[in-house]
Amino acid sequence: MTLDLLGYKLNKRSFADLAEMLPADVASCLRPLVGNPALSKSNFSNQVEAALGNKLTQQHLTVTLREAKRLQIKRIGRYVESLRTTFFPSTSFTPSLLNYIRLRPLFFSLWFRFRMLRHFGFMVLKKKPLVHKLDRDQKEYITQDVLPYNMSQVAMFLEGHRYRTERIILLLKALCGKHTNTQQVLCVGPRNEAELLLFSLHGFPLKNIVGIDLFSYSPLVHVMDMHDLDFENDTFDIYYSAFTLAYSQDVERASAEAIRVTKDDGLMVITMTVRGVALLTGKPADRAPGARDMLELFAPYVRHVYFQENAEWQQEHMGDDESTCVTAIFSIDKAAGS
């Protein structure tokens, strides 16, 4: 590519800009000038006059000269950007320098807990409860077992938690590609901000991520029941639920709500234990029900399964002898159930 900033020339990019400013018939007359350089303003003006004939006006000439002038900030910026993409191509898979630093275990742990302490500090200053809980009746095992346990673990995010979360996020990033930064994500039952922060550090903007749980200390996590989601239809591109669906007291309603708020052809990520799959599907736990059994909970809306993983596969191929996880990533076909 030669960097010639002298004279006048309509290239494809500048002509496209010009075509948005001029009437269609005028722009079509100027198309033959694309790629023909002129060293002086008068020479290029003569070319424009000859091309337009009786359609020429002073406004048309002024706009065309402005867009064809090579020595202008917009054109120079495009040359520079072209050089950058040629010799230093960017990638959507590499985090920014700041995010790379934040992803380091020490920095992530400090950042995550600093945010938690800050939220707690604000609640103390405002004389409000440190944690908000869903103000509605729940089944006894939810109020006596699930909520107390999860609230006691609110400050925890162990190495295993991060490993299984980050694996799925990287798979989602590969599936979304260049559209990662536009995806609307619903994270169900995150317990704290850690999962949401990991999503953001891997390219999913934090403003596009919403968490819901039965309790919350953070404005990022809304207090809400997965059986009764307070969102419009087709709100999210990605529905992410890790080890949450097994707590459902009405799995048909929970899955129906998940499908309702997810866009058609959107992605759903469901992870639970073998015991959880057995509990929801009625399959014997000792027979190790897997991803196919779990996907039955969302039939007939499953369009394409991008990834599925059973506990036995992890134990055999990844050396994870203690794994009891079942995971599936799939897209949904909302018309299939109508």
C-alpha atoms as a PDB file:
ATOM      1  CA  MET A   1       0.000   0.000   0.000  1.00  0.00           C
ATOM      2  CA  THR A   2       1.441   3.408  -0.978  1.00  0.00           C
ATOM      3  CA  LEU A   3       0.844   6.346   1.320  1.00  0.00           C
ATOM      4  CA  ASP A   4       0.289   9.262  -1.108  1.00  0.00           C
ATOM      5  CA  LEU A   5      -1.341  12.217   0.634  1.00  0.00           C
ATOM      6  CA  LEU A   6      -1.136  14.726  -2.229  1.00  0.00           C
ATOM      7  CA  GLY A   7      -3.933  15.805  -4.536  1.00  0.00           C
ATOM      8  CA  TYR A   8      -7.454  14.432  -4.855  1.00  0.00           C
ATOM      9  CA  LYS A   9      -8.757  10.906  -5.289  1.00  0.00           C
ATOM     10  CA  LEU A  10     -12.016   9.137  -4.602  1.00  0.00           C
ATOM     11  CA  ASN A  11     -11.308   5.690  -3.200  1.00  0.00           C
ATOM     12  CA  LYS A  12     -13.997   3.124  -2.385  1.00  0.00           C
ATOM     13  CA  ARG A  13     -14.314   4.260   1.248  1.00  0.00           C
ATOM     14  CA  SER A  14     -14.571   7.974   0.473  1.00  0.00           C
ATOM     15  CA  PHE A  15     -17.039   7.286  -2.351  1.00  0.00           C
ATOM     16  CA  ALA A  16     -19.210   5.279   0.056  1.00  0.00           C
ATOM     17  CA  ASP A  17     -19.245   8.281   2.418  1.00  0.00           C
ATOM     18  CA  LEU A  18     -20.022  10.596  -0.502  1.00  0.00           C
ATOM     19  CA  ALA A  19     -22.879   8.386  -1.687  1.00  0.00           C
ATOM     20  CA  GLU A  20     -24.607   8.900   1.682  1.00  0.00           C
ATOM     21  CA  MET A  21     -24.452  12.699   1.256  1.00  0.00           C
ATOM     22  CA  LEU A  22     -25.539  13.085  -2.379  1.00  0.00           C
ATOM     23  CA  PRO A  23     -28.654  12.035  -4.294  1.00  0.00           C
ATOM     24  CA  ALA A  24     -28.387   8.557  -5.765  1.00  0.00           C
ATOM     25  CA  ASP A  25     -28.381   9.761  -9.401  1.00  0.00           C
ATOM     26  CA  VAL A  26     -25.589  12.254  -8.676  1.00  0.00           C
ATOM     27  CA  ALA A  27     -23.488   9.661  -6.844  1.00  0.00           C
ATOM     28  CA  SER A  28     -23.873   7.175  -9.712  1.00  0.00           C
ATOM     29  CA  CYS A  29     -22.450   9.780 -12.121  1.00  0.00           C
ATOM     30  CA  LEU A  30     -19.370  10.154  -9.915  1.00  0.00           C
ATOM     31  CA  ARG A  31     -18.691   6.420  -9.682  1.00  0.00           C
ATOM     32  CA  PRO A  32     -16.368   6.385 -12.760  1.00  0.00           C
ATOM     33  CA  LEU A  33     -14.043   8.791 -10.921  1.00  0.00           C
ATOM     34  CA  VAL A  34     -13.275   6.205  -8.198  1.00  0.00           C
ATOM     35  CA  GLY A  35      -9.585   5.344  -8.333  1.00  0.00           C
ATOM     36  CA  ASN A  36      -8.621   8.188 -10.729  1.00  0.00           C
ATOM     37  CA  PRO A  37      -6.192  10.580  -8.993  1.00  0.00           C
ATOM     38  CA  ALA A  38      -5.819  14.294  -9.730  1.00  0.00           C
ATOM     39  CA  LEU A  39      -2.821  16.313  -8.542  1.00  0.00           C
ATOM     40  CA  SER A  40      -4.612  19.649  -8.350  1.00  0.00           C
ATOM     41  CA  LYS A  41      -7.954  20.949  -7.227  1.00  0.00           C
ATOM     42  CA  SER A  42      -8.701  22.438 -10.653  1.00  0.00           C
ATOM     43  CA  ASN A  43      -8.000  19.153 -12.446  1.00  0.00           C
ATOM     44  CA  PHE A  44     -10.300  17.219 -10.133  1.00  0.00           C
ATOM     45  CA  SER A  45     -12.987  19.926 -10.383  1.00  0.00           C
ATOM     46  CA  ASN A  46     -12.907  19.581 -14.172  1.00  0.00           C
ATOM     47  CA  GLN A  47     -13.378  15.794 -13.811  1.00  0.00           C
ATOM     48  CA  VAL A  48     -16.376  16.323 -11.518  1.00  0.00           C
ATOM     49  CA  GLU A  49     -17.938  18.901 -13.859  1.00  0.00           C
ATOM     50  CA  ALA A  50     -17.527  16.590 -16.835  1.00  0.00           C
ATOM     51  CA  ALA A  51     -19.035  13.661 -14.927  1.00  0.00           C
ATOM     52  CA  LEU A  52     -22.059  15.542 -13.580  1.00  0.00           C
ATOM     53  CA  GLY A  53     -22.872  17.759 -16.551  1.00  0.00           C
ATOM     54  CA  ASN A  54     -26.171  19.571 -15.991  1.00  0.00           C
ATOM     55  CA  LYS A  55     -26.586  17.910 -12.579  1.00  0.00           C
ATOM     56  CA  LEU A  56     -23.648  19.912 -11.190  1.00  0.00           C
ATOM     57  CA  THR A  57     -24.322  22.345  -8.338  1.00  0.00           C
ATOM     58  CA  GLN A  58     -21.880  24.231  -6.161  1.00  0.00           C
ATOM     59  CA  GLN A  59     -22.937  22.158  -3.176  1.00  0.00           C
ATOM     60  CA  HIS A  60     -22.251  18.905  -5.031  1.00  0.00           C
ATOM     61  CA  LEU A  61     -18.825  20.145  -6.103  1.00  0.00           C
ATOM     62  CA  THR A  62     -17.895  21.348  -2.593  1.00  0.00           C
ATOM     63  CA  VAL A  63     -18.901  18.072  -0.939  1.00  0.00           C
ATOM     64  CA  THR A  64     -17.092  15.981  -3.565  1.00  0.00           C
ATOM     65  CA  LEU A  65     -13.870  18.014  -3.270  1.00  0.00           C
ATOM     66  CA  ARG A  66     -13.950  17.690   0.506  1.00  0.00           C
ATOM     67  CA  GLU A  67     -14.358  13.927   0.468  1.00  0.00           C
ATOM     68  CA  ALA A  68     -11.779  13.406  -2.303  1.00  0.00           C
ATOM     69  CA  LYS A  69      -9.049  15.494  -0.674  1.00  0.00           C
ATOM     70  CA  ARG A  70      -6.329  13.161   0.475  1.00  0.00           C
ATOM     71  CA  LEU A  71      -4.687  15.398   3.064  1.00  0.00           C
ATOM     72  CA  GLN A  72      -7.429  15.381   5.714  1.00  0.00           C
ATOM     73  CA  ILE A  73      -7.619  13.936   9.204  1.00  0.00           C
ATOM     74  CA  LYS A  74     -10.266  11.337   8.343  1.00  0.00           C
ATOM     75  CA  ARG A  75      -8.304   9.944   5.395  1.00  0.00           C
ATOM     76  CA  ILE A  76      -5.009   9.921   7.297  1.00  0.00           C
ATOM     77  CA  GLY A  77      -6.701   8.136  10.191  1.00  0.00           C
ATOM     78  CA  ARG A  78      -7.927   5.448   7.813  1.00  0.00           C
ATOM     79  CA  TYR A  79      -4.452   5.008   6.347  1.00  0.00           C
ATOM     80  CA  VAL A  80      -3.034   4.603   9.840  1.00  0.00           C
ATOM     81  CA  GLU A  81      -5.775   2.133  10.801  1.00  0.00           C
ATOM     82  CA  SER A  82      -5.131   0.176   7.595  1.00  0.00           C
ATOM     83  CA  LEU A  83      -1.427  -0.038   8.448  1.00  0.00           C
ATOM     84  CA  ARG A  84      -2.262  -1.154  11.995  1.00  0.00           C
ATOM     85  CA  THR A  85      -4.597  -3.921  10.879  1.00  0.00           C
ATOM     86  CA  THR A  86      -2.071  -5.059   8.261  1.00  0.00           C
ATOM     87  CA  PHE A  87       0.993  -5.267  10.510  1.00  0.00           C
ATOM     88  CA  PHE A  88      -0.530  -5.456  14.010  1.00  0.00           C
ATOM     89  CA  PRO A  89      -3.838  -7.334  13.651  1.00  0.00           C
ATOM     90  CA  SER A  90      -6.004  -7.262  16.746  1.00  0.00           C
ATOM     91  CA  THR A  91      -7.727 -10.247  18.301  1.00  0.00           C
ATOM     92  CA  SER A  92     -10.915 -10.489  20.296  1.00  0.00           C
ATOM     93  CA  PHE A  93      -9.494 -13.397  22.305  1.00  0.00           C
ATOM     94  CA  THR A  94      -6.716 -11.491  24.071  1.00  0.00           C
ATOM     95  CA  PRO A  95      -7.797  -9.444  27.107  1.00  0.00           C
ATOM     96  CA  SER A  96      -6.668  -5.871  27.495  1.00  0.00           C
ATOM     97  CA  LEU A  97      -3.583  -5.210  29.611  1.00  0.00           C
ATOM     98  CA  LEU A  98      -5.697  -4.079  32.571  1.00  0.00           C
ATOM     99  CA  ASN A  99      -7.954  -7.133  32.335  1.00  0.00           C
ATOM    100  CA  TYR A 100      -4.923  -9.392  31.978  1.00  0.00           C
ATOM    101  CA  ILE A 101      -3.596  -8.025  35.277  1.00  0.00           C
ATOM    102  CA  ARG A 102      -6.984  -8.362  36.958  1.00  0.00           C
ATOM    103  CA  LEU A 103      -7.191 -12.002  35.858  1.00  0.00           C
ATOM    104  CA  ARG A 104      -4.042 -12.884  37.813  1.00  0.00           C
ATOM    105  CA  PRO A 105      -5.213 -14.932  40.847  1.00  0.00           C
ATOM    106  CA  LEU A 106      -3.935 -12.500  43.485  1.00  0.00           C
ATOM    107  CA  PHE A 107      -5.288  -9.382  41.801  1.00  0.00           C
ATOM    108  CA  PHE A 108      -8.635 -10.998  41.001  1.00  0.00           C
ATOM    109  CA  SER A 109      -9.099 -12.172  44.576  1.00  0.00           C
ATOM    110  CA  LEU A 110      -8.229  -8.723  45.964  1.00  0.00           C
ATOM    111  CA  TRP A 111     -10.461  -6.933  43.444  1.00  0.00           C
ATOM    112  CA  PHE A 112     -13.404  -9.256  44.036  1.00  0.00           C
ATOM    113  CA  ARG A 113     -13.228  -8.942  47.822  1.00  0.00           C
ATOM    114  CA  PHE A 114     -12.526  -5.208  47.763  1.00  0.00           C
ATOM    115  CA  ARG A 115     -15.744  -4.722  45.810  1.00  0.00           C
ATOM    116  CA  MET A 116     -17.584  -6.855  48.372  1.00  0.00           C
ATOM    117  CA  LEU A 117     -16.216  -4.858  51.323  1.00  0.00           C
ATOM    118  CA  ARG A 118     -17.090  -1.622  49.549  1.00  0.00           C
ATOM    119  CA  HIS A 119     -20.695  -2.742  49.067  1.00  0.00           C
ATOM    120  CA  PHE A 120     -20.922  -3.836  52.702  1.00  0.00           C
ATOM    121  CA  GLY A 121     -19.459  -0.478  53.772  1.00  0.00           C
ATOM    122  CA  PHE A 122     -22.094   1.429  51.825  1.00  0.00           C
ATOM    123  CA  MET A 123     -24.845  -0.681  53.397  1.00  0.00           C
ATOM    124  CA  VAL A 124     -23.499   0.047  56.892  1.00  0.00           C
ATOM    125  CA  LEU A 125     -23.325   3.783  56.197  1.00  0.00           C
ATOM    126  CA  LYS A 126     -26.865   3.760  54.829  1.00  0.00           C
ATOM    127  CA  LYS A 127     -28.024   1.631  57.783  1.00  0.00           C
ATOM    128  CA  LYS A 128     -29.443  -0.999  55.445  1.00  0.00           C
ATOM    129  CA  PRO A 129     -29.224  -4.796  55.666  1.00  0.00           C
ATOM    130  CA  LEU A 130     -25.904  -6.156  54.363  1.00  0.00           C
ATOM    131  CA  VAL A 131     -27.745  -8.781  52.316  1.00  0.00           C
ATOM    132  CA  HIS A 132     -31.187  -8.526  50.724  1.00  0.00           C
ATOM    133  CA  LYS A 133     -33.313 -11.673  50.535  1.00  0.00           C
ATOM    134  CA  LEU A 134     -36.313 -12.469  48.397  1.00  0.00           C
ATOM    135  CA  ASP A 135     -39.427 -11.376  50.266  1.00  0.00           C
ATOM    136  CA  ARG A 136     -41.698 -14.301  49.486  1.00  0.00           C
ATOM    137  CA  ASP A 137     -42.495 -17.734  50.822  1.00  0.00           C
ATOM    138  CA  GLN A 138     -40.079 -20.493  49.856  1.00  0.00           C
ATOM    139  CA  LYS A 139     -40.075 -24.198  50.479  1.00  0.00           C
ATOM    140  CA  GLU A 140     -38.704 -25.221  53.850  1.00  0.00           C
ATOM    141  CA  TYR A 141     -35.479 -26.716  52.499  1.00  0.00           C
ATOM    142  CA  ILE A 142     -34.778 -23.418  50.676  1.00  0.00           C
ATOM    143  CA  THR A 143     -35.170 -21.257  53.776  1.00  0.00           C
ATOM    144  CA  GLN A 144     -33.536 -23.689  56.216  1.00  0.00           C
ATOM    145  CA  ASP A 145     -30.779 -25.236  54.091  1.00  0.00           C
ATOM    146  CA  VAL A 146     -30.108 -23.570  50.740  1.00  0.00           C
ATOM    147  CA  LEU A 147     -30.196 -19.909  51.748  1.00  0.00           C
ATOM    148  CA  PRO A 148     -28.190 -20.233  55.002  1.00  0.00           C
ATOM    149  CA  TYR A 149     -25.509 -22.340  53.274  1.00  0.00           C
ATOM    150  CA  ASN A 150     -25.116 -20.029  50.284  1.00  0.00           C
ATOM    151  CA  MET A 151     -25.130 -16.906  52.422  1.00  0.00           C
ATOM    152  CA  SER A 152     -22.388 -18.410  54.597  1.00  0.00           C
ATOM    153  CA  GLN A 153     -20.331 -18.994  51.427  1.00  0.00           C
ATOM    154  CA  VAL A 154     -20.893 -15.543  49.932  1.00  0.00           C
ATOM    155  CA  ALA A 155     -17.236 -14.516  50.287  1.00  0.00           C
ATOM    156  CA  MET A 156     -15.917 -17.751  48.812  1.00  0.00           C
ATOM    157  CA  PHE A 157     -14.703 -18.324  45.267  1.00  0.00           C
ATOM    158  CA  LEU A 158     -12.263 -21.207  45.293  1.00  0.00           C
ATOM    159  CA  GLU A 159      -9.847 -22.433  42.639  1.00  0.00           C
ATOM    160  CA  GLY A 160     -12.280 -25.132  41.538  1.00  0.00           C
ATOM    161  CA  HIS A 161     -15.091 -22.602  41.214  1.00  0.00           C
ATOM    162  CA  ARG A 162     -12.962 -20.375  39.011  1.00  0.00           C
ATOM    163  CA  TYR A 163     -11.699 -23.283  36.899  1.00  0.00           C
ATOM    164  CA  ARG A 164     -15.136 -24.589  35.962  1.00  0.00           C
ATOM    165  CA  THR A 165     -16.535 -21.078  35.439  1.00  0.00           C
ATOM    166  CA  GLU A 166     -13.689 -19.864  33.263  1.00  0.00           C
ATOM    167  CA  ARG A 167     -13.724 -22.985  31.066  1.00  0.00           C
ATOM    168  CA  ILE A 168     -17.334 -22.317  30.134  1.00  0.00           C
ATOM    169  CA  ILE A 169     -16.760 -18.583  29.615  1.00  0.00           C
ATOM    170  CA  LEU A 170     -13.919 -19.294  27.179  1.00  0.00           C
ATOM    171  CA  LEU A 171     -16.140 -21.712  25.258  1.00  0.00           C
ATOM    172  CA  LEU A 172     -18.875 -19.080  25.086  1.00  0.00           C
ATOM    173  CA  LYS A 173     -16.363 -16.501  23.908  1.00  0.00           C
ATOM    174  CA  ALA A 174     -15.254 -18.826  21.111  1.00  0.00           C
ATOM    175  CA  LEU A 175     -18.892 -19.346  20.069  1.00  0.00           C
ATOM    176  CA  CYS A 176     -19.760 -15.634  20.177  1.00  0.00           C
ATOM    177  CA  GLY A 177     -16.555 -14.454  18.467  1.00  0.00           C
ATOM    178  CA  LYS A 178     -16.649 -10.792  17.441  1.00  0.00           C
ATOM    179  CA  HIS A 179     -20.142 -10.433  18.913  1.00  0.00           C
ATOM    180  CA  THR A 180     -18.924 -11.100  22.457  1.00  0.00           C
ATOM    181  CA  ASN A 181     -19.116  -7.441  23.442  1.00  0.00           C
ATOM    182  CA  THR A 182     -22.783  -7.180  22.407  1.00  0.00           C
ATOM    183  CA  GLN A 183     -24.113 -10.286  24.172  1.00  0.00           C
ATOM    184  CA  GLN A 184     -26.675  -9.809  26.929  1.00  0.00           C
ATOM    185  CA  VAL A 185     -25.940 -12.357  29.673  1.00  0.00           C
ATOM    186  CA  LEU A 186     -28.156 -13.609  32.503  1.00  0.00           C
ATOM    187  CA  CYS A 187     -26.235 -15.349  35.284  1.00  0.00           C
ATOM    188  CA  VAL A 188     -28.539 -17.367  37.536  1.00  0.00           C
ATOM    189  CA  GLY A 189     -27.553 -18.050  41.140  1.00  0.00           C
ATOM    190  CA  PRO A 190     -24.022 -16.600  41.164  1.00  0.00           C
ATOM    191  CA  ARG A 191     -24.026 -16.186  44.970  1.00  0.00           C
ATOM    192  CA  ASN A 192     -21.559 -13.272  44.620  1.00  0.00           C
ATOM    193  CA  GLU A 193     -19.990 -11.089  41.924  1.00  0.00           C
ATOM    194  CA  ALA A 194     -17.125 -13.429  40.994  1.00  0.00           C
ATOM    195  CA  GLU A 195     -18.775 -15.141  38.011  1.00  0.00           C
ATOM    196  CA  LEU A 196     -19.990 -11.807  36.645  1.00  0.00           C
ATOM    197  CA  LEU A 197     -16.540 -10.235  37.005  1.00  0.00           C
ATOM    198  CA  LEU A 198     -14.912 -13.152  35.178  1.00  0.00           C
ATOM    199  CA  PHE A 199     -17.382 -12.729  32.319  1.00  0.00           C
ATOM    200  CA  SER A 200     -16.461  -9.043  32.099  1.00  0.00           C
ATOM    201  CA  LEU A 201     -12.702  -9.683  32.145  1.00  0.00           C
ATOM    202  CA  HIS A 202     -13.068 -12.061  29.204  1.00  0.00           C
ATOM    203  CA  GLY A 203     -14.800  -9.537  26.972  1.00  0.00           C
ATOM    204  CA  PHE A 204     -18.459  -9.571  28.000  1.00  0.00           C
ATOM    205  CA  PRO A 205     -19.132  -5.954  29.116  1.00  0.00           C
ATOM    206  CA  LEU A 206     -20.273  -5.708  32.719  1.00  0.00           C
ATOM    207  CA  LYS A 207     -23.143  -3.418  31.674  1.00  0.00           C
ATOM    208  CA  ASN A 208     -24.521  -6.330  29.604  1.00  0.00           C
ATOM    209  CA  ILE A 209     -24.414  -8.853  32.463  1.00  0.00           C
ATOM    210  CA  VAL A 210     -27.220  -9.351  34.973  1.00  0.00           C
ATOM    211  CA  GLY A 211     -27.130 -11.707  37.930  1.00  0.00           C
ATOM    212  CA  ILE A 212     -30.129 -13.006  39.872  1.00  0.00           C
ATOM    213  CA  ASP A 213     -30.259 -14.877  43.148  1.00  0.00           C
ATOM    214  CA  LEU A 214     -32.506 -15.339  46.177  1.00  0.00           C
ATOM    215  CA  PHE A 215     -30.219 -12.969  48.091  1.00  0.00           C
ATOM    216  CA  SER A 216     -27.750 -10.246  47.144  1.00  0.00           C
ATOM    217  CA  TYR A 217     -25.297  -7.750  48.536  1.00  0.00           C
ATOM    218  CA  SER A 218     -24.429  -6.286  45.110  1.00  0.00           C
ATOM    219  CA  PRO A 219     -26.346  -4.055  42.669  1.00  0.00           C
ATOM    220  CA  LEU A 220     -25.104  -6.394  39.912  1.00  0.00           C
ATOM    221  CA  VAL A 221     -27.132  -9.267  41.383  1.00  0.00           C
ATOM    222  CA  HIS A 222     -30.888  -8.722  41.460  1.00  0.00           C
ATOM    223  CA  VAL A 223     -32.978 -10.445  44.113  1.00  0.00           C
ATOM    224  CA  MET A 224     -35.253 -12.626  42.013  1.00  0.00           C
ATOM    225  CA  ASP A 225     -36.660 -16.140  41.722  1.00  0.00           C
ATOM    226  CA  MET A 226     -35.641 -18.163  38.641  1.00  0.00           C
ATOM    227  CA  HIS A 227     -39.249 -19.439  38.502  1.00  0.00           C
ATOM    228  CA  ASP A 228     -40.596 -15.904  38.097  1.00  0.00           C
ATOM    229  CA  LEU A 229     -38.125 -13.745  36.184  1.00  0.00           C
ATOM    230  CA  ASP A 230     -38.936 -10.048  36.027  1.00  0.00           C
ATOM    231  CA  PHE A 231     -37.605  -9.590  32.473  1.00  0.00           C
ATOM    232  CA  GLU A 232     -39.249  -9.101  29.096  1.00  0.00           C
ATOM    233  CA  ASN A 233     -39.399 -11.932  26.575  1.00  0.00           C
ATOM    234  CA  ASP A 234     -36.276 -12.402  24.428  1.00  0.00           C
ATOM    235  CA  THR A 235     -34.056 -10.232  26.643  1.00  0.00           C
ATOM    236  CA  PHE A 236     -30.858 -12.285  26.807  1.00  0.00           C
ATOM    237  CA  ASP A 237     -28.442 -13.830  24.317  1.00  0.00           C
ATOM    238  CA  ILE A 238     -26.943 -16.150  26.943  1.00  0.00           C
ATOM    239  CA  TYR A 239     -28.630 -17.867  29.895  1.00  0.00           C
ATOM    240  CA  TYR A 240     -25.979 -19.192  32.305  1.00  0.00           C
ATOM    241  CA  SER A 241     -26.940 -21.437  35.224  1.00  0.00           C
ATOM    242  CA  ALA A 242     -24.285 -23.300  37.171  1.00  0.00           C
ATOM    243  CA  PHE A 243     -25.422 -25.652  39.958  1.00  0.00           C
ATOM    244  CA  THR A 244     -28.679 -23.749  40.423  1.00  0.00           C
ATOM    245  CA  LEU A 245     -31.409 -25.566  38.520  1.00  0.00           C
ATOM    246  CA  ALA A 246     -31.154 -28.589  40.831  1.00  0.00           C
ATOM    247  CA  TYR A 247     -32.600 -26.429  43.637  1.00  0.00           C
ATOM    248  CA  SER A 248     -35.769 -25.825  41.623  1.00  0.00           C
ATOM    249  CA  GLN A 249     -39.057 -26.746  43.244  1.00  0.00           C
ATOM    250  CA  ASP A 250     -40.728 -26.648  39.803  1.00  0.00           C
ATOM    251  CA  VAL A 251     -38.221 -27.464  37.061  1.00  0.00           C
ATOM    252  CA  GLU A 252     -40.791 -27.168  34.249  1.00  0.00           C
ATOM    253  CA  ARG A 253     -41.585 -23.613  35.267  1.00  0.00           C
ATOM    254  CA  ALA A 254     -37.907 -22.720  35.758  1.00  0.00           C
ATOM    255  CA  SER A 255     -36.948 -24.063  32.326  1.00  0.00           C
ATOM    256  CA  ALA A 256     -39.953 -22.341  30.732  1.00  0.00           C
ATOM    257  CA  GLU A 257     -38.878 -19.017  32.255  1.00  0.00           C
ATOM    258  CA  ALA A 258     -35.312 -19.598  31.044  1.00  0.00           C
ATOM    259  CA  ILE A 259     -36.540 -20.171  27.492  1.00  0.00           C
ATOM    260  CA  ARG A 260     -38.929 -17.201  27.655  1.00  0.00           C
ATOM    261  CA  VAL A 261     -36.262 -14.618  28.532  1.00  0.00           C
ATOM    262  CA  THR A 262     -33.654 -16.047  26.137  1.00  0.00           C
ATOM    263  CA  LYS A 263     -33.686 -14.938  22.510  1.00  0.00           C
ATOM    264  CA  ASP A 264     -34.412 -17.367  19.711  1.00  0.00           C
ATOM    265  CA  ASP A 265     -31.156 -19.139  18.772  1.00  0.00           C
ATOM    266  CA  GLY A 266     -29.678 -17.812  22.031  1.00  0.00           C
ATOM    267  CA  LEU A 267     -27.281 -19.918  24.052  1.00  0.00           C
ATOM    268  CA  MET A 268     -28.107 -21.749  27.264  1.00  0.00           C
ATOM    269  CA  VAL A 269     -25.460 -23.073  29.637  1.00  0.00           C
ATOM    270  CA  ILE A 270     -26.636 -25.569  32.223  1.00  0.00           C
ATOM    271  CA  THR A 271     -24.317 -27.233  34.721  1.00  0.00           C
ATOM    272  CA  MET A 272     -25.302 -29.416  37.636  1.00  0.00           C
ATOM    273  CA  THR A 273     -24.151 -32.454  39.548  1.00  0.00           C
ATOM    274  CA  VAL A 274     -25.046 -36.029  38.610  1.00  0.00           C
ATOM    275  CA  ARG A 275     -27.181 -36.104  41.739  1.00  0.00           C
ATOM    276  CA  GLY A 276     -28.980 -32.953  40.607  1.00  0.00           C
ATOM    277  CA  VAL A 277     -29.728 -34.451  37.178  1.00  0.00           C
ATOM    278  CA  ALA A 278     -31.032 -37.612  38.848  1.00  0.00           C
ATOM    279  CA  LEU A 279     -33.223 -35.567  41.188  1.00  0.00           C
ATOM    280  CA  LEU A 280     -34.825 -33.554  38.368  1.00  0.00           C
ATOM    281  CA  THR A 281     -35.164 -36.308  35.770  1.00  0.00           C
ATOM    282  CA  GLY A 282     -36.044 -39.222  38.040  1.00  0.00           C
ATOM    283  CA  LYS A 283     -33.109 -41.252  36.689  1.00  0.00           C
ATOM    284  CA  PRO A 284     -31.179 -43.400  39.213  1.00  0.00           C
ATOM    285  CA  ALA A 285     -28.110 -41.551  40.482  1.00  0.00           C
ATOM    286  CA  ASP A 286     -26.036 -44.749  40.555  1.00  0.00           C
ATOM    287  CA  ARG A 287     -26.410 -44.982  36.768  1.00  0.00           C
ATOM    288  CA  ALA A 288     -24.752 -41.562  36.426  1.00  0.00           C
ATOM    289  CA  PRO A 289     -27.310 -39.694  34.276  1.00  0.00           C
ATOM    290  CA  GLY A 290     -25.562 -37.285  31.909  1.00  0.00           C
ATOM    291  CA  ALA A 291     -25.990 -34.320  29.589  1.00  0.00           C
ATOM    292  CA  ARG A 292     -28.545 -36.044  27.346  1.00  0.00           C
ATOM    293  CA  ASP A 293     -30.776 -36.661  30.341  1.00  0.00           C
ATOM    294  CA  MET A 294     -30.381 -33.041  31.427  1.00  0.00           C
ATOM    295  CA  LEU A 295     -31.232 -31.768  27.930  1.00  0.00           C
ATOM    296  CA  GLU A 296     -34.575 -33.582  28.143  1.00  0.00           C
ATOM    297  CA  LEU A 297     -35.624 -30.898  30.629  1.00  0.00           C
ATOM    298  CA  PHE A 298     -35.555 -28.368  27.762  1.00  0.00           C
ATOM    299  CA  ALA A 299     -37.087 -30.524  25.024  1.00  0.00           C
ATOM    300  CA  PRO A 300     -38.325 -29.753  22.424  1.00  0.00           C
ATOM    301  CA  TYR A 301     -36.577 -26.372  22.394  1.00  0.00           C
ATOM    302  CA  VAL A 302     -33.004 -27.664  21.983  1.00  0.00           C
ATOM    303  CA  ARG A 303     -31.808 -26.611  18.517  1.00  0.00           C
ATOM    304  CA  HIS A 304     -28.105 -27.425  18.473  1.00  0.00           C
ATOM    305  CA  VAL A 305     -25.821 -28.808  21.181  1.00  0.00           C
ATOM    306  CA  TYR A 306     -22.423 -27.134  20.940  1.00  0.00           C
ATOM    307  CA  PHE A 307     -20.862 -28.803  23.960  1.00  0.00           C
ATOM    308  CA  GLN A 308     -21.781 -31.532  26.400  1.00  0.00           C
ATOM    309  CA  GLU A 309     -19.738 -33.137  29.117  1.00  0.00           C
ATOM    310  CA  ASN A 310     -20.449 -35.930  31.550  1.00  0.00           C
ATOM    311  CA  ALA A 311     -18.754 -36.755  34.817  1.00  0.00           C
ATOM    312  CA  GLU A 312     -17.228 -39.953  33.432  1.00  0.00           C
ATOM    313  CA  TRP A 313     -15.565 -38.069  30.561  1.00  0.00           C
ATOM    314  CA  GLN A 314     -13.929 -35.619  32.963  1.00  0.00           C
ATOM    315  CA  GLN A 315     -12.728 -38.443  35.162  1.00  0.00           C
ATOM    316  CA  GLU A 316     -11.282 -40.407  32.231  1.00  0.00           C
ATOM    317  CA  HIS A 317      -9.827 -37.664  30.016  1.00  0.00           C
ATOM    318  CA  MET A 318      -9.041 -34.809  32.392  1.00  0.00           C
ATOM    319  CA  GLY A 319      -7.853 -36.743  35.422  1.00  0.00           C
ATOM    320  CA  ASP A 320     -10.585 -35.197  37.570  1.00  0.00           C
ATOM    321  CA  ASP A 321     -11.383 -38.243  39.700  1.00  0.00           C
ATOM    322  CA  GLU A 322     -13.765 -36.359  41.974  1.00  0.00           C
ATOM    323  CA  SER A 323     -15.827 -34.675  39.254  1.00  0.00           C
ATOM    324  CA  THR A 324     -19.576 -35.176  39.390  1.00  0.00           C
ATOM    325  CA  CYS A 325     -20.440 -32.368  36.958  1.00  0.00           C
ATOM    326  CA  VAL A 326     -22.728 -32.528  33.949  1.00  0.00           C
ATOM    327  CA  THR A 327     -22.608 -29.603  31.504  1.00  0.00           C
ATOM    328  CA  ALA A 328     -24.325 -28.664  28.253  1.00  0.00           C
ATOM    329  CA  ILE A 329     -24.143 -25.607  25.998  1.00  0.00           C
ATOM    330  CA  PHE A 330     -26.930 -25.450  23.458  1.00  0.00           C
ATOM    331  CA  SER A 331     -28.970 -23.039  21.370  1.00  0.00           C
ATOM    332  CA  ILE A 332     -32.739 -22.916  21.538  1.00  0.00           C
ATOM    333  CA  ASP A 333     -35.461 -22.963  18.909  1.00  0.00           C
ATOM    334  CA  LYS A 334     -38.371 -21.064  20.410  1.00  0.00           C
ATOM    335  CA  ALA A 335     -40.704 -21.935  17.555  1.00  0.00           C
ATOM    336  CA  ALA A 336     -40.319 -25.651  18.244  1.00  0.00           C
ATOM    337  CA  GLY A 337     -42.661 -25.532  21.203  1.00  0.00           C
ATOM    338  CA  SER A 338     -45.388 -23.456  19.570  1.00  0.00           C
END
